[in-house]
């Protein structure tokens, strides 16, 4: 996968993770968020975990998953 494809994939995962977190009624557990994005995008859970961990580290989610 080339650099443009990796960036596009990262944006897709970021968008899906932040959308799921935003639509949640309350705090969402990290693994529940990972499972939801993994299932929706049919992608590797480790890749989604990396993105979610990056979002948490950057303090981007409104509510930090546990």
PDB file of N, CA and C in Angstrom:
ATOM      1  N   UNK A   1       0.859  -1.173   0.000  1.00  0.00           N
ATOM      2  CA  UNK A   1       0.000   0.000   0.000  1.00  0.00           C
ATOM      3  C   UNK A   1       0.902   1.231   0.000  1.00  0.00           C
ATOM      4  N   UNK A   2       0.666   2.134  -0.936  1.00  0.00           N
ATOM      5  CA  UNK A   2       1.455   3.347  -1.034  1.00  0.00           C
ATOM      6  C   UNK A   2       1.034   4.393  -0.006  1.00  0.00           C
ATOM      7  N   UNK A   3       1.829   5.445   0.089  1.00  0.00           N
ATOM      8  CA  UNK A   3       1.569   6.498   1.073  1.00  0.00           C
ATOM      9  C   UNK A   3       0.192   7.148   0.910  1.00  0.00           C
ATOM     10  N   UNK A   4      -0.257   7.496  -0.293  1.00  0.00           N
ATOM     11  CA  UNK A   4      -1.607   8.080  -0.408  1.00  0.00           C
ATOM     12  C   UNK A   4      -2.702   7.137   0.068  1.00  0.00           C
ATOM     13  N   UNK A   5      -2.552   5.834  -0.220  1.00  0.00           N
ATOM     14  CA  UNK A   5      -3.544   4.860   0.231  1.00  0.00           C
ATOM     15  C   UNK A   5      -3.528   4.720   1.750  1.00  0.00           C
ATOM     16  N   UNK A   6      -2.333   4.748   2.360  1.00  0.00           N
ATOM     17  CA  UNK A   6      -2.231   4.663   3.821  1.00  0.00           C
ATOM     18  C   UNK A   6      -2.889   5.875   4.474  1.00  0.00           C
ATOM     19  N   UNK A   7      -2.664   7.049   3.911  1.00  0.00           N
ATOM     20  CA  UNK A   7      -3.291   8.259   4.460  1.00  0.00           C
ATOM     21  C   UNK A   7      -4.804   8.199   4.320  1.00  0.00           C
ATOM     22  N   UNK A   8      -5.276   7.739   3.170  1.00  0.00           N
ATOM     23  CA  UNK A   8      -6.724   7.610   2.958  1.00  0.00           C
ATOM     24  C   UNK A   8      -7.307   6.624   3.963  1.00  0.00           C
ATOM     25  N   UNK A   9      -6.632   5.503   4.189  1.00  0.00           N
ATOM     26  CA  UNK A   9      -7.105   4.486   5.131  1.00  0.00           C
ATOM     27  C   UNK A   9      -7.134   5.052   6.549  1.00  0.00           C
ATOM     28  N   UNK A  10      -6.104   5.801   6.919  1.00  0.00           N
ATOM     29  CA  UNK A  10      -6.063   6.407   8.255  1.00  0.00           C
ATOM     30  C   UNK A  10      -7.219   7.384   8.436  1.00  0.00           C
ATOM     31  N   UNK A  11      -7.508   8.166   7.408  1.00  0.00           N
ATOM     32  CA  UNK A  11      -8.627   9.111   7.481  1.00  0.00           C
ATOM     33  C   UNK A  11      -9.946   8.359   7.587  1.00  0.00           C
ATOM     34  N   UNK A  12     -10.100   7.286   6.836  1.00  0.00           N
ATOM     35  CA  UNK A  12     -11.316   6.475   6.893  1.00  0.00           C
ATOM     36  C   UNK A  12     -11.518   5.895   8.295  1.00  0.00           C
ATOM     37  N   UNK A  13     -10.462   5.346   8.877  1.00  0.00           N
ATOM     38  CA  UNK A  13     -10.551   4.779  10.218  1.00  0.00           C
ATOM     39  C   UNK A  13     -10.821   5.866  11.254  1.00  0.00           C
ATOM     40  N   UNK A  14     -10.135   6.993  11.133  1.00  0.00           N
ATOM     41  CA  UNK A  14     -10.339   8.124  12.044  1.00  0.00           C
ATOM     42  C   UNK A  14     -11.785   8.589  11.985  1.00  0.00           C
ATOM     43  N   UNK A  15     -12.301   8.745  10.799  1.00  0.00           N
ATOM     44  CA  UNK A  15     -13.676   9.210  10.603  1.00  0.00           C
ATOM     45  C   UNK A  15     -14.679   8.232  11.214  1.00  0.00           C
ATOM     46  N   UNK A  16     -14.488   6.953  10.962  1.00  0.00           N
ATOM     47  CA  UNK A  16     -15.404   5.947  11.498  1.00  0.00           C
ATOM     48  C   UNK A  16     -15.343   5.892  13.019  1.00  0.00           C
ATOM     49  N   UNK A  17     -14.149   5.972  13.575  1.00  0.00           N
ATOM     50  CA  UNK A  17     -13.998   5.915  15.034  1.00  0.00           C
ATOM     51  C   UNK A  17     -14.605   7.137  15.703  1.00  0.00           C
ATOM     52  N   UNK A  18     -14.334   8.312  15.165  1.00  0.00           N
ATOM     53  CA  UNK A  18     -14.880   9.515  15.786  1.00  0.00           C
ATOM     54  C   UNK A  18     -16.393   9.586  15.606  1.00  0.00           C
ATOM     55  N   UNK A  19     -16.911   9.097  14.499  1.00  0.00           N
ATOM     56  CA  UNK A  19     -18.364   9.083  14.293  1.00  0.00           C
ATOM     57  C   UNK A  19     -19.036   8.150  15.296  1.00  0.00           C
ATOM     58  N   UNK A  20     -18.482   6.967  15.475  1.00  0.00           N
ATOM     59  CA  UNK A  20     -19.047   6.015  16.437  1.00  0.00           C
ATOM     60  C   UNK A  20     -19.009   6.592  17.843  1.00  0.00           C
ATOM     61  N   UNK A  21     -17.920   7.234  18.193  1.00  0.00           N
ATOM     62  CA  UNK A  21     -17.769   7.817  19.523  1.00  0.00           C
ATOM     63  C   UNK A  21     -18.758   8.959  19.726  1.00  0.00           C
ATOM     64  N   UNK A  22     -18.962   9.745  18.690  1.00  0.00           N
ATOM     65  CA  UNK A  22     -19.877  10.887  18.766  1.00  0.00           C
ATOM     66  C   UNK A  22     -21.322  10.431  18.893  1.00  0.00           C
ATOM     67  N   UNK A  23     -21.690   9.357  18.204  1.00  0.00           N
ATOM     68  CA  UNK A  23     -23.070   8.874  18.214  1.00  0.00           C
ATOM     69  C   UNK A  23     -23.432   8.081  19.465  1.00  0.00           C
ATOM     70  N   UNK A  24     -22.439   7.704  20.256  1.00  0.00           N
ATOM     71  CA  UNK A  24     -22.699   6.921  21.463  1.00  0.00           C
ATOM     72  C   UNK A  24     -23.489   7.756  22.471  1.00  0.00           C
ATOM     73  N   UNK A  25     -24.391   7.104  23.192  1.00  0.00           N
ATOM     74  CA  UNK A  25     -25.196   7.787  24.203  1.00  0.00           C
ATOM     75  C   UNK A  25     -24.376   8.198  25.416  1.00  0.00           C
ATOM     76  N   UNK A  26     -23.290   7.541  25.646  1.00  0.00           N
ATOM     77  CA  UNK A  26     -22.422   7.819  26.793  1.00  0.00           C
ATOM     78  C   UNK A  26     -21.028   7.354  26.451  1.00  0.00           C
ATOM     79  N   UNK A  27     -20.181   7.258  27.458  1.00  0.00           N
ATOM     80  CA  UNK A  27     -18.816   6.775  27.195  1.00  0.00           C
ATOM     81  C   UNK A  27     -18.846   5.404  26.522  1.00  0.00           C
ATOM     82  N   UNK A  28     -17.941   5.197  25.622  1.00  0.00           N
ATOM     83  CA  UNK A  28     -17.877   3.943  24.889  1.00  0.00           C
ATOM     84  C   UNK A  28     -16.547   3.270  25.216  1.00  0.00           C
ATOM     85  N   UNK A  29     -16.601   1.988  25.521  1.00  0.00           N
ATOM     86  CA  UNK A  29     -15.388   1.249  25.848  1.00  0.00           C
ATOM     87  C   UNK A  29     -14.509   1.118  24.615  1.00  0.00           C
ATOM     88  N   UNK A  30     -13.212   1.114  24.843  1.00  0.00           N
ATOM     89  CA  UNK A  30     -12.244   1.043  23.754  1.00  0.00           C
ATOM     90  C   UNK A  30     -12.505  -0.164  22.860  1.00  0.00           C
ATOM     91  N   UNK A  31     -12.653  -1.355  23.448  1.00  0.00           N
ATOM     92  CA  UNK A  31     -12.841  -2.562  22.635  1.00  0.00           C
ATOM     93  C   UNK A  31     -14.176  -2.552  21.894  1.00  0.00           C
ATOM     94  N   UNK A  32     -15.186  -1.969  22.489  1.00  0.00           N
ATOM     95  CA  UNK A  32     -16.484  -1.860  21.794  1.00  0.00           C
ATOM     96  C   UNK A  32     -16.344  -0.954  20.573  1.00  0.00           C
ATOM     97  N   UNK A  33     -15.595   0.126  20.737  1.00  0.00           N
ATOM     98  CA  UNK A  33     -15.338   1.033  19.614  1.00  0.00           C
ATOM     99  C   UNK A  33     -14.536   0.316  18.534  1.00  0.00           C
ATOM    100  N   UNK A  34     -13.498  -0.396  18.942  1.00  0.00           N
ATOM    101  CA  UNK A  34     -12.674  -1.147  17.980  1.00  0.00           C
ATOM    102  C   UNK A  34     -13.521  -2.185  17.253  1.00  0.00           C
ATOM    103  N   UNK A  35     -14.336  -2.928  17.996  1.00  0.00           N
ATOM    104  CA  UNK A  35     -15.199  -3.944  17.378  1.00  0.00           C
ATOM    105  C   UNK A  35     -16.170  -3.329  16.378  1.00  0.00           C
ATOM    106  N   UNK A  36     -16.759  -2.198  16.746  1.00  0.00           N
ATOM    107  CA  UNK A  36     -17.721  -1.541  15.856  1.00  0.00           C
ATOM    108  C   UNK A  36     -17.099  -1.073  14.555  1.00  0.00           C
ATOM    109  N   UNK A  37     -15.934  -0.441  14.653  1.00  0.00           N
ATOM    110  CA  UNK A  37     -15.251   0.050  13.446  1.00  0.00           C
ATOM    111  C   UNK A  37     -14.741  -1.129  12.624  1.00  0.00           C
ATOM    112  N   UNK A  38     -14.199  -2.138  13.295  1.00  0.00           N
ATOM    113  CA  UNK A  38     -13.705  -3.328  12.593  1.00  0.00           C
ATOM    114  C   UNK A  38     -14.835  -3.997  11.816  1.00  0.00           C
ATOM    115  N   UNK A  39     -15.973  -4.141  12.465  1.00  0.00           N
ATOM    116  CA  UNK A  39     -17.114  -4.764  11.795  1.00  0.00           C
ATOM    117  C   UNK A  39     -17.660  -3.929  10.654  1.00  0.00           C
ATOM    118  N   UNK A  40     -17.728  -2.626  10.851  1.00  0.00           N
ATOM    119  CA  UNK A  40     -18.275  -1.741   9.821  1.00  0.00           C
ATOM    120  C   UNK A  40     -17.381  -1.674   8.588  1.00  0.00           C
ATOM    121  N   UNK A  41     -16.076  -1.651   8.805  1.00  0.00           N
ATOM    122  CA  UNK A  41     -15.147  -1.490   7.684  1.00  0.00           C
ATOM    123  C   UNK A  41     -14.526  -2.803   7.217  1.00  0.00           C
ATOM    124  N   UNK A  42     -14.843  -3.909   7.923  1.00  0.00           N
ATOM    125  CA  UNK A  42     -14.272  -5.221   7.571  1.00  0.00           C
ATOM    126  C   UNK A  42     -12.757  -5.117   7.456  1.00  0.00           C
ATOM    127  N   UNK A  43     -12.140  -4.649   8.539  1.00  0.00           N
ATOM    128  CA  UNK A  43     -10.704  -4.433   8.544  1.00  0.00           C
ATOM    129  C   UNK A  43     -10.066  -5.107   9.745  1.00  0.00           C
ATOM    130  N   UNK A  44      -8.774  -5.049   9.828  1.00  0.00           N
ATOM    131  CA  UNK A  44      -7.998  -5.673  10.886  1.00  0.00           C
ATOM    132  C   UNK A  44      -8.147  -4.905  12.200  1.00  0.00           C
ATOM    133  N   UNK A  45      -8.451  -5.609  13.277  1.00  0.00           N
ATOM    134  CA  UNK A  45      -8.654  -4.980  14.583  1.00  0.00           C
ATOM    135  C   UNK A  45      -7.395  -4.273  15.076  1.00  0.00           C
ATOM    136  N   UNK A  46      -6.224  -4.827  14.796  1.00  0.00           N
ATOM    137  CA  UNK A  46      -4.977  -4.192  15.244  1.00  0.00           C
ATOM    138  C   UNK A  46      -4.811  -2.812  14.606  1.00  0.00           C
ATOM    139  N   UNK A  47      -5.190  -2.690  13.349  1.00  0.00           N
ATOM    140  CA  UNK A  47      -5.104  -1.406  12.653  1.00  0.00           C
ATOM    141  C   UNK A  47      -6.054  -0.391  13.299  1.00  0.00           C
ATOM    142  N   UNK A  48      -7.246  -0.837  13.633  1.00  0.00           N
ATOM    143  CA  UNK A  48      -8.229   0.045  14.268  1.00  0.00           C
ATOM    144  C   UNK A  48      -7.752   0.434  15.669  1.00  0.00           C
ATOM    145  N   UNK A  49      -7.207  -0.523  16.417  1.00  0.00           N
ATOM    146  CA  UNK A  49      -6.682  -0.221  17.765  1.00  0.00           C
ATOM    147  C   UNK A  49      -5.612   0.857  17.701  1.00  0.00           C
ATOM    148  N   UNK A  50      -4.720   0.777  16.696  1.00  0.00           N
ATOM    149  CA  UNK A  50      -3.672   1.797  16.541  1.00  0.00           C
ATOM    150  C   UNK A  50      -4.276   3.174  16.343  1.00  0.00           C
ATOM    151  N   UNK A  51      -5.313   3.265  15.514  1.00  0.00           N
ATOM    152  CA  UNK A  51      -5.964   4.552  15.260  1.00  0.00           C
ATOM    153  C   UNK A  51      -6.672   5.050  16.519  1.00  0.00           C
ATOM    154  N   UNK A  52      -7.409   4.174  17.185  1.00  0.00           N
ATOM    155  CA  UNK A  52      -8.121   4.555  18.409  1.00  0.00           C
ATOM    156  C   UNK A  52      -7.126   5.007  19.475  1.00  0.00           C
ATOM    157  N   UNK A  53      -6.027   4.272  19.644  1.00  0.00           N
ATOM    158  CA  UNK A  53      -5.011   4.662  20.619  1.00  0.00           C
ATOM    159  C   UNK A  53      -4.412   6.020  20.272  1.00  0.00           C
ATOM    160  N   UNK A  54      -4.221   6.284  18.984  1.00  0.00           N
ATOM    161  CA  UNK A  54      -3.724   7.596  18.557  1.00  0.00           C
ATOM    162  C   UNK A  54      -4.706   8.709  18.869  1.00  0.00           C
ATOM    163  N   UNK A  55      -5.990   8.431  18.683  1.00  0.00           N
ATOM    164  CA  UNK A  55      -7.017   9.426  19.000  1.00  0.00           C
ATOM    165  C   UNK A  55      -7.038   9.712  20.501  1.00  0.00           C
ATOM    166  N   UNK A  56      -6.937   8.661  21.299  1.00  0.00           N
ATOM    167  CA  UNK A  56      -6.940   8.832  22.752  1.00  0.00           C
ATOM    168  C   UNK A  56      -5.702   9.620  23.181  1.00  0.00           C
ATOM    169  N   UNK A  57      -4.547   9.278  22.625  1.00  0.00           N
ATOM    170  CA  UNK A  57      -3.306   9.972  22.968  1.00  0.00           C
ATOM    171  C   UNK A  57      -3.374  11.452  22.605  1.00  0.00           C
ATOM    172  N   UNK A  58      -4.051  11.745  21.489  1.00  0.00           N
ATOM    173  CA  UNK A  58      -4.196  13.135  21.049  1.00  0.00           C
ATOM    174  C   UNK A  58      -5.358  13.831  21.737  1.00  0.00           C
ATOM    175  N   UNK A  59      -6.076  13.071  22.580  1.00  0.00           N
ATOM    176  CA  UNK A  59      -7.235  13.579  23.319  1.00  0.00           C
ATOM    177  C   UNK A  59      -8.320  14.117  22.379  1.00  0.00           C
ATOM    178  N   UNK A  60      -8.487  13.448  21.231  1.00  0.00           N
ATOM    179  CA  UNK A  60      -9.485  13.898  20.263  1.00  0.00           C
ATOM    180  C   UNK A  60     -10.902  13.444  20.561  1.00  0.00           C
ATOM    181  N   UNK A  61     -11.112  12.248  21.114  1.00  0.00           N
ATOM    182  CA  UNK A  61     -12.515  11.920  21.407  1.00  0.00           C
ATOM    183  C   UNK A  61     -13.052  12.835  22.501  1.00  0.00           C
ATOM    184  N   UNK A  62     -14.340  13.135  22.403  1.00  0.00           N
ATOM    185  CA  UNK A  62     -14.973  13.960  23.432  1.00  0.00           C
ATOM    186  C   UNK A  62     -14.965  13.226  24.765  1.00  0.00           C
ATOM    187  N   UNK A  63     -15.110  11.923  24.710  1.00  0.00           N
ATOM    188  CA  UNK A  63     -15.105  11.077  25.907  1.00  0.00           C
ATOM    189  C   UNK A  63     -14.069   9.988  25.672  1.00  0.00           C
ATOM    190  N   UNK A  64     -13.158   9.802  26.579  1.00  0.00           N
ATOM    191  CA  UNK A  64     -12.111   8.816  26.422  1.00  0.00           C
ATOM    192  C   UNK A  64     -12.638   7.423  26.682  1.00  0.00           C
ATOM    193  N   UNK A  65     -12.497   6.508  25.705  1.00  0.00           N
ATOM    194  CA  UNK A  65     -12.932   5.131  25.940  1.00  0.00           C
ATOM    195  C   UNK A  65     -12.126   4.505  27.057  1.00  0.00           C
ATOM    196  N   UNK A  66     -12.741   3.591  27.803  1.00  0.00           N
ATOM    197  CA  UNK A  66     -12.023   2.920  28.892  1.00  0.00           C
ATOM    198  C   UNK A  66     -11.287   1.710  28.379  1.00  0.00           C
TER     199      UNK A  66
END
